[in-house]
Amino acid sequence: PPPPQLFIPPNTALDFSLPEKFVALAPSAAYELKRWPIEYWSQLVQLNSHLNFVVLAGPQDNFTSQLNANKNVLNLTGKTNLMQSALVLN
């Protein structure tokens, strides 16, 4: 069967600018035990300082604030809704 498609409404807008090229990170999961430890995410970002990263997570995912210490991270935790997150990935 064909894969499901997500249609982003044309009026969906972003209130911020994105780097031209970036790697999107979604470090959260429904259950805490299914999450990769934040220290590993931080190490991944630090080892790839030549890349830009954009963090997508919900408003309850406060643990992602630890990634803010890295200059190559744009942390959008709690700043986007589902459609805006899809637009970031588009």
PDB file of N, CA and C in Angstrom:
ATOM      1  N   PRO A   1       0.835  -1.204   0.000  1.00  0.00           N
ATOM      2  CA  PRO A   1       0.000   0.000   0.000  1.00  0.00           C
ATOM      3  C   PRO A   1       0.873   1.259   0.000  1.00  0.00           C
ATOM      4  N   PRO A   2       0.326   2.328  -0.502  1.00  0.00           N
ATOM      5  CA  PRO A   2       1.109   3.573  -0.515  1.00  0.00           C
ATOM      6  C   PRO A   2       1.320   4.080   0.917  1.00  0.00           C
ATOM      7  N   PRO A   3       2.437   4.756   1.144  1.00  0.00           N
ATOM      8  CA  PRO A   3       2.696   5.279   2.494  1.00  0.00           C
ATOM      9  C   PRO A   3       1.740   6.424   2.819  1.00  0.00           C
ATOM     10  N   PRO A   4       1.476   6.649   4.093  1.00  0.00           N
ATOM     11  CA  PRO A   4       0.607   7.772   4.457  1.00  0.00           C
ATOM     12  C   PRO A   4       1.288   9.091   4.115  1.00  0.00           C
ATOM     13  N   GLN A   5       0.489  10.088   3.813  1.00  0.00           N
ATOM     14  CA  GLN A   5       1.015  11.404   3.469  1.00  0.00           C
ATOM     15  C   GLN A   5       0.504  12.433   4.460  1.00  0.00           C
ATOM     16  N   LEU A   6       1.347  13.385   4.775  1.00  0.00           N
ATOM     17  CA  LEU A   6       0.994  14.481   5.658  1.00  0.00           C
ATOM     18  C   LEU A   6       0.913  15.746   4.825  1.00  0.00           C
ATOM     19  N   PHE A   7      -0.216  16.409   4.876  1.00  0.00           N
ATOM     20  CA  PHE A   7      -0.386  17.647   4.135  1.00  0.00           C
ATOM     21  C   PHE A   7      -0.320  18.817   5.108  1.00  0.00           C
ATOM     22  N   ILE A   8       0.645  19.670   4.907  1.00  0.00           N
ATOM     23  CA  ILE A   8       0.840  20.830   5.775  1.00  0.00           C
ATOM     24  C   ILE A   8      -0.037  21.967   5.249  1.00  0.00           C
ATOM     25  N   PRO A   9      -0.918  22.506   6.089  1.00  0.00           N
ATOM     26  CA  PRO A   9      -1.771  23.609   5.634  1.00  0.00           C
ATOM     27  C   PRO A   9      -0.919  24.780   5.143  1.00  0.00           C
ATOM     28  N   PRO A  10      -1.347  25.444   4.062  1.00  0.00           N
ATOM     29  CA  PRO A  10      -0.550  26.525   3.485  1.00  0.00           C
ATOM     30  C   PRO A  10      -0.328  27.711   4.433  1.00  0.00           C
ATOM     31  N   ASN A  11      -1.177  27.866   5.448  1.00  0.00           N
ATOM     32  CA  ASN A  11      -1.019  29.004   6.362  1.00  0.00           C
ATOM     33  C   ASN A  11      -0.083  28.686   7.529  1.00  0.00           C
ATOM     34  N   THR A  12       0.538  27.501   7.518  1.00  0.00           N
ATOM     35  CA  THR A  12       1.478  27.131   8.576  1.00  0.00           C
ATOM     36  C   THR A  12       2.750  27.945   8.403  1.00  0.00           C
ATOM     37  N   ALA A  13       3.167  28.621   9.468  1.00  0.00           N
ATOM     38  CA  ALA A  13       4.343  29.486   9.397  1.00  0.00           C
ATOM     39  C   ALA A  13       5.261  29.223  10.583  1.00  0.00           C
ATOM     40  N   LEU A  14       6.514  29.597  10.412  1.00  0.00           N
ATOM     41  CA  LEU A  14       7.502  29.485  11.473  1.00  0.00           C
ATOM     42  C   LEU A  14       7.849  30.875  11.980  1.00  0.00           C
ATOM     43  N   ASP A  15       8.005  31.019  13.293  1.00  0.00           N
ATOM     44  CA  ASP A  15       8.328  32.306  13.906  1.00  0.00           C
ATOM     45  C   ASP A  15       9.826  32.458  14.140  1.00  0.00           C
ATOM     46  N   PHE A  16      10.622  31.711  13.434  1.00  0.00           N
ATOM     47  CA  PHE A  16      12.065  31.716  13.626  1.00  0.00           C
ATOM     48  C   PHE A  16      12.709  31.323  12.304  1.00  0.00           C
ATOM     49  N   SER A  17      13.994  31.577  12.182  1.00  0.00           N
ATOM     50  CA  SER A  17      14.701  31.168  10.971  1.00  0.00           C
ATOM     51  C   SER A  17      15.535  29.934  11.276  1.00  0.00           C
ATOM     52  N   LEU A  18      15.642  29.096  10.278  1.00  0.00           N
ATOM     53  CA  LEU A  18      16.387  27.845  10.406  1.00  0.00           C
ATOM     54  C   LEU A  18      17.725  27.965   9.696  1.00  0.00           C
ATOM     55  N   PRO A  19      18.724  27.212  10.164  1.00  0.00           N
ATOM     56  CA  PRO A  19      19.975  27.160   9.402  1.00  0.00           C
ATOM     57  C   PRO A  19      19.703  26.588   8.014  1.00  0.00           C
ATOM     58  N   GLU A  20      20.545  26.932   7.062  1.00  0.00           N
ATOM     59  CA  GLU A  20      20.346  26.437   5.698  1.00  0.00           C
ATOM     60  C   GLU A  20      20.392  24.909   5.652  1.00  0.00           C
ATOM     61  N   LYS A  21      21.362  24.325   6.332  1.00  0.00           N
ATOM     62  CA  LYS A  21      21.474  22.872   6.422  1.00  0.00           C
ATOM     63  C   LYS A  21      21.542  22.500   7.893  1.00  0.00           C
ATOM     64  N   PHE A  22      20.829  21.448   8.266  1.00  0.00           N
ATOM     65  CA  PHE A  22      20.831  21.022   9.665  1.00  0.00           C
ATOM     66  C   PHE A  22      20.405  19.566   9.781  1.00  0.00           C
ATOM     67  N   VAL A  23      20.704  19.009  10.936  1.00  0.00           N
ATOM     68  CA  VAL A  23      20.260  17.681  11.309  1.00  0.00           C
ATOM     69  C   VAL A  23      19.197  17.859  12.383  1.00  0.00           C
ATOM     70  N   ALA A  24      18.029  17.293  12.167  1.00  0.00           N
ATOM     71  CA  ALA A  24      16.948  17.392  13.148  1.00  0.00           C
ATOM     72  C   ALA A  24      17.089  16.272  14.173  1.00  0.00           C
ATOM     73  N   LEU A  25      16.931  16.631  15.452  1.00  0.00           N
ATOM     74  CA  LEU A  25      16.969  15.658  16.540  1.00  0.00           C
ATOM     75  C   LEU A  25      15.615  15.643  17.229  1.00  0.00           C
ATOM     76  N   ALA A  26      15.135  14.452  17.527  1.00  0.00           N
ATOM     77  CA  ALA A  26      13.897  14.280  18.301  1.00  0.00           C
ATOM     78  C   ALA A  26      14.240  13.363  19.469  1.00  0.00           C
ATOM     79  N   PRO A  27      14.798  13.920  20.538  1.00  0.00           N
ATOM     80  CA  PRO A  27      15.330  13.094  21.621  1.00  0.00           C
ATOM     81  C   PRO A  27      14.297  12.554  22.609  1.00  0.00           C
ATOM     82  N   SER A  28      13.048  12.815  22.397  1.00  0.00           N
ATOM     83  CA  SER A  28      12.043  12.389  23.357  1.00  0.00           C
ATOM     84  C   SER A  28      11.390  11.074  22.948  1.00  0.00           C
ATOM     85  N   ALA A  29      10.663  10.490  23.882  1.00  0.00           N
ATOM     86  CA  ALA A  29       9.874   9.283  23.643  1.00  0.00           C
ATOM     87  C   ALA A  29       8.737   9.280  24.659  1.00  0.00           C
ATOM     88  N   ALA A  30       7.704   8.536  24.375  1.00  0.00           N
ATOM     89  CA  ALA A  30       6.543   8.496  25.269  1.00  0.00           C
ATOM     90  C   ALA A  30       6.924   8.013  26.662  1.00  0.00           C
ATOM     91  N   TYR A  31       7.869   7.096  26.730  1.00  0.00           N
ATOM     92  CA  TYR A  31       8.313   6.564  28.014  1.00  0.00           C
ATOM     93  C   TYR A  31       9.782   6.898  28.219  1.00  0.00           C
ATOM     94  N   GLU A  32      10.109   7.373  29.392  1.00  0.00           N
ATOM     95  CA  GLU A  32      11.475   7.807  29.681  1.00  0.00           C
ATOM     96  C   GLU A  32      12.498   6.691  29.437  1.00  0.00           C
ATOM     97  N   LEU A  33      12.153   5.464  29.743  1.00  0.00           N
ATOM     98  CA  LEU A  33      13.091   4.361  29.552  1.00  0.00           C
ATOM     99  C   LEU A  33      13.377   4.063  28.079  1.00  0.00           C
ATOM    100  N   LYS A  34      12.578   4.603  27.176  1.00  0.00           N
ATOM    101  CA  LYS A  34      12.822   4.409  25.746  1.00  0.00           C
ATOM    102  C   LYS A  34      13.696   5.516  25.164  1.00  0.00           C
ATOM    103  N   ARG A  35      14.043   6.497  25.979  1.00  0.00           N
ATOM    104  CA  ARG A  35      14.865   7.619  25.501  1.00  0.00           C
ATOM    105  C   ARG A  35      16.343   7.262  25.538  1.00  0.00           C
ATOM    106  N   TRP A  36      17.052   7.716  24.529  1.00  0.00           N
ATOM    107  CA  TRP A  36      18.501   7.671  24.544  1.00  0.00           C
ATOM    108  C   TRP A  36      18.937   8.728  25.547  1.00  0.00           C
ATOM    109  N   PRO A  37      19.845   8.457  26.453  1.00  0.00           N
ATOM    110  CA  PRO A  37      20.223   9.437  27.486  1.00  0.00           C
ATOM    111  C   PRO A  37      20.673  10.774  26.878  1.00  0.00           C
ATOM    112  N   ILE A  38      20.274  11.858  27.497  1.00  0.00           N
ATOM    113  CA  ILE A  38      20.577  13.197  26.988  1.00  0.00           C
ATOM    114  C   ILE A  38      22.081  13.427  26.884  1.00  0.00           C
ATOM    115  N   GLU A  39      22.856  12.782  27.749  1.00  0.00           N
ATOM    116  CA  GLU A  39      24.311  12.915  27.678  1.00  0.00           C
ATOM    117  C   GLU A  39      24.839  12.386  26.344  1.00  0.00           C
ATOM    118  N   TYR A  40      24.209  11.360  25.809  1.00  0.00           N
ATOM    119  CA  TYR A  40      24.620  10.815  24.514  1.00  0.00           C
ATOM    120  C   TYR A  40      24.286  11.789  23.387  1.00  0.00           C
ATOM    121  N   TRP A  41      23.111  12.423  23.478  1.00  0.00           N
ATOM    122  CA  TRP A  41      22.736  13.431  22.476  1.00  0.00           C
ATOM    123  C   TRP A  41      23.743  14.573  22.505  1.00  0.00           C
ATOM    124  N   SER A  42      24.090  14.995  23.707  1.00  0.00           N
ATOM    125  CA  SER A  42      25.040  16.092  23.859  1.00  0.00           C
ATOM    126  C   SER A  42      26.402  15.718  23.272  1.00  0.00           C
ATOM    127  N   GLN A  43      26.837  14.507  23.528  1.00  0.00           N
ATOM    128  CA  GLN A  43      28.109  14.046  22.983  1.00  0.00           C
ATOM    129  C   GLN A  43      28.044  13.976  21.456  1.00  0.00           C
ATOM    130  N   LEU A  44      26.940  13.522  20.914  1.00  0.00           N
ATOM    131  CA  LEU A  44      26.764  13.476  19.460  1.00  0.00           C
ATOM    132  C   LEU A  44      26.902  14.868  18.852  1.00  0.00           C
ATOM    133  N   VAL A  45      26.271  15.848  19.485  1.00  0.00           N
ATOM    134  CA  VAL A  45      26.334  17.228  19.005  1.00  0.00           C
ATOM    135  C   VAL A  45      27.765  17.759  19.100  1.00  0.00           C
ATOM    136  N   GLN A  46      28.420  17.512  20.212  1.00  0.00           N
ATOM    137  CA  GLN A  46      29.788  18.001  20.408  1.00  0.00           C
ATOM    138  C   GLN A  46      30.774  17.362  19.438  1.00  0.00           C
ATOM    139  N   LEU A  47      30.603  16.084  19.155  1.00  0.00           N
ATOM    140  CA  LEU A  47      31.500  15.400  18.222  1.00  0.00           C
ATOM    141  C   LEU A  47      31.283  15.837  16.772  1.00  0.00           C
ATOM    142  N   ASN A  48      30.167  16.473  16.512  1.00  0.00           N
ATOM    143  CA  ASN A  48      29.843  16.952  15.158  1.00  0.00           C
ATOM    144  C   ASN A  48      29.655  18.461  15.165  1.00  0.00           C
ATOM    145  N   SER A  49      30.602  19.160  15.730  1.00  0.00           N
ATOM    146  CA  SER A  49      30.487  20.613  15.881  1.00  0.00           C
ATOM    147  C   SER A  49      30.461  21.342  14.538  1.00  0.00           C
ATOM    148  N   HIS A  50      30.803  20.667  13.464  1.00  0.00           N
ATOM    149  CA  HIS A  50      30.754  21.268  12.135  1.00  0.00           C
ATOM    150  C   HIS A  50      29.335  21.253  11.547  1.00  0.00           C
ATOM    151  N   LEU A  51      28.414  20.588  12.225  1.00  0.00           N
ATOM    152  CA  LEU A  51      27.023  20.506  11.765  1.00  0.00           C
ATOM    153  C   LEU A  51      26.118  21.367  12.634  1.00  0.00           C
ATOM    154  N   ASN A  52      25.008  21.810  12.061  1.00  0.00           N
ATOM    155  CA  ASN A  52      23.961  22.496  12.814  1.00  0.00           C
ATOM    156  C   ASN A  52      22.884  21.473  13.177  1.00  0.00           C
ATOM    157  N   PHE A  53      22.330  21.615  14.373  1.00  0.00           N
ATOM    158  CA  PHE A  53      21.288  20.712  14.854  1.00  0.00           C
ATOM    159  C   PHE A  53      20.054  21.513  15.253  1.00  0.00           C
ATOM    160  N   VAL A  54      18.888  20.966  14.965  1.00  0.00           N
ATOM    161  CA  VAL A  54      17.619  21.545  15.391  1.00  0.00           C
ATOM    162  C   VAL A  54      16.919  20.483  16.244  1.00  0.00           C
ATOM    163  N   VAL A  55      16.562  20.858  17.465  1.00  0.00           N
ATOM    164  CA  VAL A  55      15.915  19.932  18.399  1.00  0.00           C
ATOM    165  C   VAL A  55      14.408  20.154  18.360  1.00  0.00           C
ATOM    166  N   LEU A  56      13.662  19.091  18.120  1.00  0.00           N
ATOM    167  CA  LEU A  56      12.202  19.129  18.131  1.00  0.00           C
ATOM    168  C   LEU A  56      11.708  18.259  19.276  1.00  0.00           C
ATOM    169  N   ALA A  57      10.946  18.861  20.177  1.00  0.00           N
ATOM    170  CA  ALA A  57      10.394  18.131  21.326  1.00  0.00           C
ATOM    171  C   ALA A  57       9.208  18.915  21.872  1.00  0.00           C
ATOM    172  N   GLY A  58       8.410  18.255  22.672  1.00  0.00           N
ATOM    173  CA  GLY A  58       7.226  18.878  23.245  1.00  0.00           C
ATOM    174  C   GLY A  58       7.555  19.740  24.454  1.00  0.00           C
ATOM    175  N   PRO A  59       6.593  20.543  24.897  1.00  0.00           N
ATOM    176  CA  PRO A  59       6.825  21.472  26.012  1.00  0.00           C
ATOM    177  C   PRO A  59       7.179  20.780  27.325  1.00  0.00           C
ATOM    178  N   GLN A  60       6.813  19.528  27.488  1.00  0.00           N
ATOM    179  CA  GLN A  60       7.104  18.796  28.721  1.00  0.00           C
ATOM    180  C   GLN A  60       8.514  18.200  28.729  1.00  0.00           C
ATOM    181  N   ASP A  61       9.238  18.300  27.644  1.00  0.00           N
ATOM    182  CA  ASP A  61      10.563  17.687  27.508  1.00  0.00           C
ATOM    183  C   ASP A  61      11.677  18.644  27.935  1.00  0.00           C
ATOM    184  N   ASN A  62      11.627  19.077  29.183  1.00  0.00           N
ATOM    185  CA  ASN A  62      12.582  20.055  29.707  1.00  0.00           C
ATOM    186  C   ASN A  62      14.021  19.569  29.686  1.00  0.00           C
ATOM    187  N   PHE A  63      14.231  18.273  29.673  1.00  0.00           N
ATOM    188  CA  PHE A  63      15.587  17.733  29.713  1.00  0.00           C
ATOM    189  C   PHE A  63      16.423  18.161  28.507  1.00  0.00           C
ATOM    190  N   THR A  64      15.783  18.555  27.410  1.00  0.00           N
ATOM    191  CA  THR A  64      16.544  18.962  26.224  1.00  0.00           C
ATOM    192  C   THR A  64      17.267  20.284  26.415  1.00  0.00           C
ATOM    193  N   SER A  65      16.954  21.020  27.479  1.00  0.00           N
ATOM    194  CA  SER A  65      17.637  22.305  27.712  1.00  0.00           C
ATOM    195  C   SER A  65      19.135  22.107  27.902  1.00  0.00           C
ATOM    196  N   GLN A  66      19.568  20.913  28.257  1.00  0.00           N
ATOM    197  CA  GLN A  66      21.001  20.636  28.397  1.00  0.00           C
ATOM    198  C   GLN A  66      21.745  20.800  27.077  1.00  0.00           C
ATOM    199  N   LEU A  67      21.038  20.686  25.962  1.00  0.00           N
ATOM    200  CA  LEU A  67      21.673  20.827  24.655  1.00  0.00           C
ATOM    201  C   LEU A  67      21.929  22.286  24.294  1.00  0.00           C
ATOM    202  N   ASN A  68      21.340  23.215  25.036  1.00  0.00           N
ATOM    203  CA  ASN A  68      21.498  24.640  24.750  1.00  0.00           C
ATOM    204  C   ASN A  68      22.927  25.126  24.930  1.00  0.00           C
ATOM    205  N   ALA A  69      23.742  24.389  25.651  1.00  0.00           N
ATOM    206  CA  ALA A  69      25.128  24.787  25.881  1.00  0.00           C
ATOM    207  C   ALA A  69      25.963  24.719  24.598  1.00  0.00           C
ATOM    208  N   ASN A  70      25.448  24.054  23.589  1.00  0.00           N
ATOM    209  CA  ASN A  70      26.174  23.898  22.325  1.00  0.00           C
ATOM    210  C   ASN A  70      25.768  24.991  21.346  1.00  0.00           C
ATOM    211  N   LYS A  71      26.751  25.670  20.785  1.00  0.00           N
ATOM    212  CA  LYS A  71      26.490  26.790  19.871  1.00  0.00           C
ATOM    213  C   LYS A  71      25.857  26.350  18.558  1.00  0.00           C
ATOM    214  N   ASN A  72      25.999  25.090  18.221  1.00  0.00           N
ATOM    215  CA  ASN A  72      25.470  24.603  16.946  1.00  0.00           C
ATOM    216  C   ASN A  72      24.077  23.990  17.077  1.00  0.00           C
ATOM    217  N   VAL A  73      23.362  24.331  18.171  1.00  0.00           N
ATOM    218  CA  VAL A  73      22.028  23.775  18.421  1.00  0.00           C
ATOM    219  C   VAL A  73      20.983  24.889  18.443  1.00  0.00           C
ATOM    220  N   LEU A  74      19.926  24.702  17.670  1.00  0.00           N
ATOM    221  CA  LEU A  74      18.725  25.528  17.759  1.00  0.00           C
ATOM    222  C   LEU A  74      17.680  24.659  18.435  1.00  0.00           C
ATOM    223  N   ASN A  75      17.372  24.977  19.677  1.00  0.00           N
ATOM    224  CA  ASN A  75      16.465  24.148  20.469  1.00  0.00           C
ATOM    225  C   ASN A  75      15.045  24.694  20.355  1.00  0.00           C
ATOM    226  N   LEU A  76      14.183  23.946  19.688  1.00  0.00           N
ATOM    227  CA  LEU A  76      12.793  24.351  19.485  1.00  0.00           C
ATOM    228  C   LEU A  76      11.838  23.605  20.412  1.00  0.00           C
ATOM    229  N   THR A  77      12.359  23.073  21.497  1.00  0.00           N
ATOM    230  CA  THR A  77      11.522  22.345  22.439  1.00  0.00           C
ATOM    231  C   THR A  77      10.362  23.208  22.915  1.00  0.00           C
ATOM    232  N   GLY A  78       9.145  22.725  22.697  1.00  0.00           N
ATOM    233  CA  GLY A  78       7.950  23.433  23.130  1.00  0.00           C
ATOM    234  C   GLY A  78       7.607  24.670  22.318  1.00  0.00           C
ATOM    235  N   LYS A  79       8.322  24.930  21.252  1.00  0.00           N
ATOM    236  CA  LYS A  79       8.095  26.143  20.455  1.00  0.00           C
ATOM    237  C   LYS A  79       7.371  25.884  19.143  1.00  0.00           C
ATOM    238  N   THR A  80       7.089  24.620  18.854  1.00  0.00           N
ATOM    239  CA  THR A  80       6.391  24.291  17.610  1.00  0.00           C
ATOM    240  C   THR A  80       5.232  23.344  17.899  1.00  0.00           C
ATOM    241  N   ASN A  81       4.212  23.458  17.071  1.00  0.00           N
ATOM    242  CA  ASN A  81       3.145  22.462  17.118  1.00  0.00           C
ATOM    243  C   ASN A  81       3.485  21.372  16.094  1.00  0.00           C
ATOM    244  N   LEU A  82       2.621  20.393  15.959  1.00  0.00           N
ATOM    245  CA  LEU A  82       2.906  19.268  15.079  1.00  0.00           C
ATOM    246  C   LEU A  82       3.102  19.715  13.622  1.00  0.00           C
ATOM    247  N   MET A  83       2.277  20.617  13.148  1.00  0.00           N
ATOM    248  CA  MET A  83       2.390  21.062  11.758  1.00  0.00           C
ATOM    249  C   MET A  83       3.670  21.870  11.548  1.00  0.00           C
ATOM    250  N   GLN A  84       4.030  22.706  12.505  1.00  0.00           N
ATOM    251  CA  GLN A  84       5.267  23.469  12.381  1.00  0.00           C
ATOM    252  C   GLN A  84       6.479  22.534  12.411  1.00  0.00           C
ATOM    253  N   SER A  85       6.434  21.509  13.245  1.00  0.00           N
ATOM    254  CA  SER A  85       7.521  20.527  13.276  1.00  0.00           C
ATOM    255  C   SER A  85       7.638  19.837  11.919  1.00  0.00           C
ATOM    256  N   ALA A  86       6.515  19.498  11.315  1.00  0.00           N
ATOM    257  CA  ALA A  86       6.518  18.882   9.988  1.00  0.00           C
ATOM    258  C   ALA A  86       7.097  19.845   8.965  1.00  0.00           C
ATOM    259  N   LEU A  87       6.799  21.127   9.090  1.00  0.00           N
ATOM    260  CA  LEU A  87       7.333  22.131   8.172  1.00  0.00           C
ATOM    261  C   LEU A  87       8.851  22.244   8.326  1.00  0.00           C
ATOM    262  N   VAL A  88       9.342  22.145   9.548  1.00  0.00           N
ATOM    263  CA  VAL A  88      10.790  22.173   9.783  1.00  0.00           C
ATOM    264  C   VAL A  88      11.443  21.001   9.035  1.00  0.00           C
ATOM    265  N   LEU A  89      10.812  19.854   9.073  1.00  0.00           N
ATOM    266  CA  LEU A  89      11.380  18.661   8.439  1.00  0.00           C
ATOM    267  C   LEU A  89      11.149  18.598   6.929  1.00  0.00           C
ATOM    268  N   ASN A  90      10.291  19.440   6.439  1.00  0.00           N
ATOM    269  CA  ASN A  90       9.927  19.424   5.020  1.00  0.00           C
ATOM    270  C   ASN A  90      11.052  19.876   4.134  1.00  0.00           C
TER     271      ASN A  90
END
